[in-house]
C-alpha atoms as a PDB file:
ATOM      1  CA  GLY A   1       0.000   0.000   0.000  1.00  0.00           C
ATOM      2  CA  ALA A   2       0.951   3.661  -0.048  1.00  0.00           C
ATOM      3  CA  VAL A   3       3.423   4.798   2.575  1.00  0.00           C
ATOM      4  CA  ALA A   4       3.595   8.433   3.713  1.00  0.00           C
ATOM      5  CA  GLY A   5       6.609   9.983   5.412  1.00  0.00           C
ATOM      6  CA  TYR A   6       9.887  11.729   4.750  1.00  0.00           C
ATOM      7  CA  ILE A   7      13.410  10.579   4.016  1.00  0.00           C
ATOM      8  CA  THR A   8      16.657  12.385   4.828  1.00  0.00           C
ATOM      9  CA  PRO A   9      19.228  11.606   2.107  1.00  0.00           C
ATOM     10  CA  SER A  10      22.771  10.721   3.148  1.00  0.00           C
ATOM     11  CA  TRP A  11      26.163  10.881   1.465  1.00  0.00           C
ATOM     12  CA  PRO A  12      27.432   9.731  -0.971  1.00  0.00           C
ATOM     13  CA  SER A  13      24.332   8.677  -2.899  1.00  0.00           C
ATOM     14  CA  GLN A  14      20.777   7.509  -2.465  1.00  0.00           C
ATOM     15  CA  THR A  15      17.908   6.386  -4.649  1.00  0.00           C
ATOM     16  CA  LEU A  16      14.738   7.027  -2.730  1.00  0.00           C
ATOM     17  CA  VAL A  17      11.427   5.536  -3.742  1.00  0.00           C
ATOM     18  CA  ALA A  18       8.000   6.554  -2.446  1.00  0.00           C
ATOM     19  CA  GLY A  19       4.736   5.195  -3.811  1.00  0.00           C
ATOM     20  CA  GLY A  20       6.569   3.511  -6.678  1.00  0.00           C
ATOM     21  CA  SER A  21       8.128   6.755  -7.980  1.00  0.00           C
ATOM     22  CA  VAL A  22      11.751   7.848  -7.807  1.00  0.00           C
ATOM     23  CA  VAL A  23      11.778  11.172  -5.953  1.00  0.00           C
ATOM     24  CA  PHE A  24      15.548  11.562  -5.388  1.00  0.00           C
ATOM     25  CA  SER A  25      18.467   9.970  -7.120  1.00  0.00           C
ATOM     26  CA  GLY A  26      22.230  10.538  -7.134  1.00  0.00           C
ATOM     27  CA  ALA A  27      24.874  12.192  -4.995  1.00  0.00           C
ATOM     28  CA  TYR A  28      24.528  15.477  -3.189  1.00  0.00           C
ATOM     29  CA  SER A  29      27.057  17.517  -1.267  1.00  0.00           C
ATOM     30  CA  PRO A  30      26.453  17.944   2.438  1.00  0.00           C
ATOM     31  CA  VAL A  31      28.818  20.932   2.456  1.00  0.00           C
ATOM     32  CA  SER A  32      27.731  24.492   1.723  1.00  0.00           C
ATOM     33  CA  VAL A  33      29.729  27.727   1.557  1.00  0.00           C
ATOM     34  CA  ALA A  34      28.741  31.344   2.134  1.00  0.00           C
ATOM     35  CA  PRO A  35      29.034  34.039   1.025  1.00  0.00           C
ATOM     36  CA  ASN A  36      29.549  33.351  -2.637  1.00  0.00           C
ATOM     37  CA  PRO A  37      30.786  35.453  -4.371  1.00  0.00           C
ATOM     38  CA  VAL A  38      33.168  37.379  -2.100  1.00  0.00           C
ATOM     39  CA  ASN A  39      33.899  40.978  -3.147  1.00  0.00           C
ATOM     40  CA  PHE A  40      36.908  42.773  -1.667  1.00  0.00           C
ATOM     41  CA  PRO A  41      37.398  46.527  -1.230  1.00  0.00           C
ATOM     42  CA  THR A  42      39.699  48.392  -3.610  1.00  0.00           C
ATOM     43  CA  THR A  43      43.273  47.697  -2.509  1.00  0.00           C
ATOM     44  CA  TYR A  44      46.571  49.213  -3.629  1.00  0.00           C
ATOM     45  CA  VAL A  45      48.997  47.070  -5.631  1.00  0.00           C
ATOM     46  CA  GLY A  46      51.348  45.302  -3.239  1.00  0.00           C
ATOM     47  CA  GLY A  47      48.996  45.844  -0.299  1.00  0.00           C
ATOM     48  CA  THR A  48      46.640  43.528   1.537  1.00  0.00           C
ATOM     49  CA  SER A  49      42.897  43.961   2.041  1.00  0.00           C
ATOM     50  CA  PRO A  50      41.107  43.352   5.336  1.00  0.00           C
ATOM     51  CA  VAL A  51      40.303  39.684   5.844  1.00  0.00           C
ATOM     52  CA  GLN A  52      36.984  38.285   4.685  1.00  0.00           C
ATOM     53  CA  TYR A  53      35.652  34.940   5.861  1.00  0.00           C
ATOM     54  CA  VAL A  54      34.032  32.122   3.923  1.00  0.00           C
ATOM     55  CA  THR A  55      31.897  29.922   6.177  1.00  0.00           C
ATOM     56  CA  VAL A  56      31.915  26.202   5.377  1.00  0.00           C
ATOM     57  CA  THR A  57      28.925  24.326   6.830  1.00  0.00           C
ATOM     58  CA  ASN A  58      28.485  20.577   7.154  1.00  0.00           C
ATOM     59  CA  GLY A  59      24.793  19.804   6.673  1.00  0.00           C
ATOM     60  CA  SER A  60      25.178  16.028   6.909  1.00  0.00           C
ATOM     61  CA  GLY A  61      24.772  13.681   9.844  1.00  0.00           C
ATOM     62  CA  GLY A  62      28.450  12.719   9.960  1.00  0.00           C
ATOM     63  CA  THR A  63      31.875  14.324  10.117  1.00  0.00           C
ATOM     64  CA  VAL A  64      33.361  15.784   6.938  1.00  0.00           C
ATOM     65  CA  THR A  65      37.143  15.589   6.599  1.00  0.00           C
ATOM     66  CA  MET A  66      38.578  18.485   4.643  1.00  0.00           C
ATOM     67  CA  GLY A  67      41.106  18.020   1.850  1.00  0.00           C
ATOM     68  CA  THR A  68      43.089  20.689   0.037  1.00  0.00           C
ATOM     69  CA  VAL A  69      42.075  24.328  -0.133  1.00  0.00           C
ATOM     70  CA  THR A  70      43.547  26.409  -2.945  1.00  0.00           C
ATOM     71  CA  VAL A  71      43.148  29.989  -4.119  1.00  0.00           C
ATOM     72  CA  SER A  72      43.969  31.905  -7.306  1.00  0.00           C
ATOM     73  CA  SER A  73      46.816  34.382  -7.609  1.00  0.00           C
ATOM     74  CA  ASN A  74      46.128  37.864  -6.176  1.00  0.00           C
ATOM     75  CA  PHE A  75      44.366  36.216  -3.224  1.00  0.00           C
ATOM     76  CA  THR A  76      45.539  34.328  -0.126  1.00  0.00           C
ATOM     77  CA  GLU A  77      43.750  31.929   2.197  1.00  0.00           C
ATOM     78  CA  ASN A  78      44.146  30.452   5.662  1.00  0.00           C
ATOM     79  CA  SER A  79      42.089  27.310   6.185  1.00  0.00           C
ATOM     80  CA  SER A  80      43.878  25.971   9.278  1.00  0.00           C
ATOM     81  CA  ALA A  81      40.611  26.072  11.257  1.00  0.00           C
ATOM     82  CA  CYS A  82      38.887  23.766   8.751  1.00  0.00           C
ATOM     83  CA  ASN A  83      40.552  20.367   9.123  1.00  0.00           C
ATOM     84  CA  SER A  84      37.321  18.494   9.843  1.00  0.00           C
ATOM     85  CA  ILE A  85      33.754  19.599  10.435  1.00  0.00           C
ATOM     86  CA  SER A  86      31.415  17.743  12.769  1.00  0.00           C
ATOM     87  CA  ALA A  87      27.793  17.114  11.795  1.00  0.00           C
ATOM     88  CA  GLY A  88      25.805  20.332  11.707  1.00  0.00           C
ATOM     89  CA  LYS A  89      28.855  22.491  12.465  1.00  0.00           C
ATOM     90  CA  SER A  90      30.746  25.169  10.549  1.00  0.00           C
ATOM     91  CA  CYS A  91      34.259  26.523  10.186  1.00  0.00           C
ATOM     92  CA  ARG A  92      35.657  29.650   8.565  1.00  0.00           C
ATOM     93  CA  ILE A  93      38.333  30.144   5.919  1.00  0.00           C
ATOM     94  CA  ALA A  94      40.130  33.512   6.003  1.00  0.00           C
ATOM     95  CA  VAL A  95      40.674  35.075   2.574  1.00  0.00           C
ATOM     96  CA  LYS A  96      42.585  38.250   1.693  1.00  0.00           C
ATOM     97  CA  PHE A  97      43.075  40.223  -1.505  1.00  0.00           C
ATOM     98  CA  GLN A  98      46.691  41.024  -2.474  1.00  0.00           C
ATOM     99  CA  PRO A  99      46.611  42.588  -5.944  1.00  0.00           C
ATOM    100  CA  ALA A 100      49.745  42.328  -8.069  1.00  0.00           C
ATOM    101  CA  ALA A 101      48.300  44.571 -10.782  1.00  0.00           C
ATOM    102  CA  ALA A 102      45.877  47.451 -11.154  1.00  0.00           C
ATOM    103  CA  GLY A 103      42.347  46.969 -12.420  1.00  0.00           C
ATOM    104  CA  ALA A 104      39.540  44.478 -11.848  1.00  0.00           C
ATOM    105  CA  LEU A 105      40.867  41.085 -10.719  1.00  0.00           C
ATOM    106  CA  THR A 106      38.971  37.853 -10.200  1.00  0.00           C
ATOM    107  CA  GLY A 107      39.804  34.431  -8.843  1.00  0.00           C
ATOM    108  CA  THR A 108      38.420  31.366  -7.125  1.00  0.00           C
ATOM    109  CA  LEU A 109      38.712  29.683  -3.761  1.00  0.00           C
ATOM    110  CA  THR A 110      38.499  25.914  -4.258  1.00  0.00           C
ATOM    111  CA  ILE A 111      37.564  23.781  -1.271  1.00  0.00           C
ATOM    112  CA  ASN A 112      38.023  20.033  -1.607  1.00  0.00           C
ATOM    113  CA  GLU A 113      36.456  17.621   0.874  1.00  0.00           C
ATOM    114  CA  ALA A 114      38.488  14.415   1.316  1.00  0.00           C
ATOM    115  CA  CYS A 115      35.844  12.270   3.000  1.00  0.00           C
ATOM    116  CA  PRO A 116      33.220  12.254   1.698  1.00  0.00           C
ATOM    117  CA  VAL A 117      34.637  13.517  -1.570  1.00  0.00           C
ATOM    118  CA  GLY A 118      33.314  16.838  -2.860  1.00  0.00           C
ATOM    119  CA  THR A 119      34.385  20.239  -4.187  1.00  0.00           C
ATOM    120  CA  GLN A 120      33.096  23.737  -3.518  1.00  0.00           C
ATOM    121  CA  THR A 121      34.124  26.807  -5.513  1.00  0.00           C
ATOM    122  CA  VAL A 122      33.805  30.393  -4.279  1.00  0.00           C
ATOM    123  CA  ASN A 123      34.180  33.298  -6.722  1.00  0.00           C
ATOM    124  CA  LEU A 124      36.466  36.131  -5.604  1.00  0.00           C
ATOM    125  CA  ALA A 125      36.735  39.676  -6.967  1.00  0.00           C
ATOM    126  CA  GLY A 126      38.583  42.878  -6.167  1.00  0.00           C
ATOM    127  CA  THR A 127      40.140  45.937  -7.784  1.00  0.00           C
ATOM    128  CA  GLY A 128      43.780  46.894  -7.466  1.00  0.00           C
ATOM    129  CA  PHE A 129      45.128  50.423  -7.824  1.00  0.00           C
ATOM    130  CA  TYR A 130      48.529  52.065  -7.796  1.00  0.00           C
ATOM    131  CA  ARG A 131      49.188  54.296  -4.786  1.00  0.00           C
ATOM    132  CA  VAL A 132      51.177  56.602  -7.017  1.00  0.00           C
ATOM    133  CA  ALA A 133      50.171  57.291 -10.604  1.00  0.00           C
ATOM    134  CA  VAL A 134      52.482  58.932 -13.145  1.00  0.00           C
ATOM    135  CA  SER A 135      51.007  60.474 -16.282  1.00  0.00           C
ATOM    136  CA  PRO A 136      51.884  60.314 -19.066  1.00  0.00           C
ATOM    137  CA  ASN A 137      53.718  57.041 -18.713  1.00  0.00           C
ATOM    138  CA  PRO A 138      55.815  56.549 -20.689  1.00  0.00           C
ATOM    139  CA  LEU A 139      56.799  60.055 -21.673  1.00  0.00           C
ATOM    140  CA  PRO A 140      56.744  60.829 -25.404  1.00  0.00           C
ATOM    141  CA  PRO A 141      60.104  60.353 -27.154  1.00  0.00           C
ATOM    142  CA  PHE A 142      62.519  63.230 -26.701  1.00  0.00           C
ATOM    143  CA  PRO A 143      63.609  65.109 -29.834  1.00  0.00           C
ATOM    144  CA  ALA A 144      67.005  64.412 -31.380  1.00  0.00           C
ATOM    145  CA  THR A 145      69.565  66.194 -29.217  1.00  0.00           C
ATOM    146  CA  ASP A 146      73.251  66.952 -29.802  1.00  0.00           C
ATOM    147  CA  ILE A 147      75.694  65.012 -27.619  1.00  0.00           C
ATOM    148  CA  GLY A 148      76.539  67.062 -24.558  1.00  0.00           C
ATOM    149  CA  SER A 149      73.458  69.250 -24.975  1.00  0.00           C
ATOM    150  CA  MET A 150      70.198  69.290 -23.038  1.00  0.00           C
ATOM    151  CA  SER A 151      66.861  68.624 -24.700  1.00  0.00           C
ATOM    152  CA  SER A 152      63.691  70.533 -23.992  1.00  0.00           C
ATOM    153  CA  THR A 153      61.941  69.552 -20.740  1.00  0.00           C
ATOM    154  CA  GLN A 154      59.058  67.120 -20.623  1.00  0.00           C
ATOM    155  CA  CYS A 155      56.803  66.971 -17.581  1.00  0.00           C
ATOM    156  CA  ALA A 156      55.029  64.074 -15.883  1.00  0.00           C
ATOM    157  CA  THR A 157      52.332  64.511 -13.255  1.00  0.00           C
ATOM    158  CA  VAL A 158      52.628  62.433 -10.087  1.00  0.00           C
ATOM    159  CA  THR A 159      49.330  61.755  -8.268  1.00  0.00           C
ATOM    160  CA  ASN A 160      48.862  60.316  -4.781  1.00  0.00           C
ATOM    161  CA  ASN A 161      45.842  58.004  -4.992  1.00  0.00           C
ATOM    162  CA  THR A 162      45.793  57.172  -1.293  1.00  0.00           C
ATOM    163  CA  THR A 163      43.944  58.928   1.531  1.00  0.00           C
ATOM    164  CA  SER A 164      47.080  59.941   3.432  1.00  0.00           C
ATOM    165  CA  LEU A 165      50.204  62.046   2.975  1.00  0.00           C
ATOM    166  CA  LEU A 166      52.864  60.312   0.888  1.00  0.00           C
ATOM    167  CA  ALA A 167      56.564  60.846   1.637  1.00  0.00           C
ATOM    168  CA  ILE A 168      58.914  61.353  -1.328  1.00  0.00           C
ATOM    169  CA  ASN A 169      62.415  60.145  -0.548  1.00  0.00           C
ATOM    170  CA  ALA A 170      64.107  61.016  -3.836  1.00  0.00           C
ATOM    171  CA  ILE A 171      63.495  61.828  -7.497  1.00  0.00           C
ATOM    172  CA  SER A 172      66.131  60.588  -9.910  1.00  0.00           C
ATOM    173  CA  ALA A 173      66.659  59.614 -13.550  1.00  0.00           C
ATOM    174  CA  THR A 174      68.751  56.946 -15.242  1.00  0.00           C
ATOM    175  CA  SER A 175      71.888  57.725 -17.227  1.00  0.00           C
ATOM    176  CA  ASN A 176      71.500  59.985 -20.316  1.00  0.00           C
ATOM    177  CA  PHE A 177      68.570  61.710 -18.592  1.00  0.00           C
ATOM    178  CA  ALA A 178      68.348  64.264 -15.788  1.00  0.00           C
ATOM    179  CA  VAL A 179      65.690  65.686 -13.509  1.00  0.00           C
ATOM    180  CA  ASP A 180      65.022  69.345 -14.294  1.00  0.00           C
ATOM    181  CA  SER A 181      64.962  70.778 -10.793  1.00  0.00           C
ATOM    182  CA  ASN A 182      63.793  74.164 -12.096  1.00  0.00           C
ATOM    183  CA  SER A 183      60.598  72.649 -13.487  1.00  0.00           C
ATOM    184  CA  THR A 184      59.947  70.113 -10.729  1.00  0.00           C
ATOM    185  CA  THR A 185      57.262  71.085  -8.208  1.00  0.00           C
ATOM    186  CA  CYS A 186      57.379  67.878  -6.164  1.00  0.00           C
ATOM    187  CA  SER A 187      58.867  68.273  -2.705  1.00  0.00           C
ATOM    188  CA  THR A 188      59.463  65.807   0.129  1.00  0.00           C
ATOM    189  CA  SER A 189      55.777  64.901   0.434  1.00  0.00           C
ATOM    190  CA  LEU A 190      52.654  64.636  -1.672  1.00  0.00           C
ATOM    191  CA  ALA A 191      49.173  65.286  -0.286  1.00  0.00           C
ATOM    192  CA  ALA A 192      46.302  62.854  -0.742  1.00  0.00           C
ATOM    193  CA  ASN A 193      44.361  63.309  -3.957  1.00  0.00           C
END
């Protein structure tokens, strides 16, 4: 006869039958991650953003043993608190943004469960910027100049893109070029833009 009730599926796979009909079939992951995606604040190139946490939750009735956790370039992770997760419990993975280039950057955090086997992917995004911008860069070519003579001056604008005062230690040029001190307005510091 007909049987009424509910069934809680378990890992790694189940085929559940009720009233002669298949109502669930195949594997499901007992592990969930949040938030996804993770968006980081704008961070200067070579700097590190504040940490953001990805929560990994075990929704199964047994312990999940964690495997490897990897992250794309421009991001770092610390998953030392997520070795194994008891039934119904959670752990957090710390993720930071460390841009190596300016502009919009994306990546992924890949979380592999060793037992039972499974994989979770979290999308990561952030924007890198240079603390100091020089424009134009590069300078236009200098005109042909006689050996031992000085060409006309070309100027580049230096902009502080941070929110604090920037110290300038020195301004120099490589051989065959020289800094025109008479045309240079930069001093030992540069105010925030």
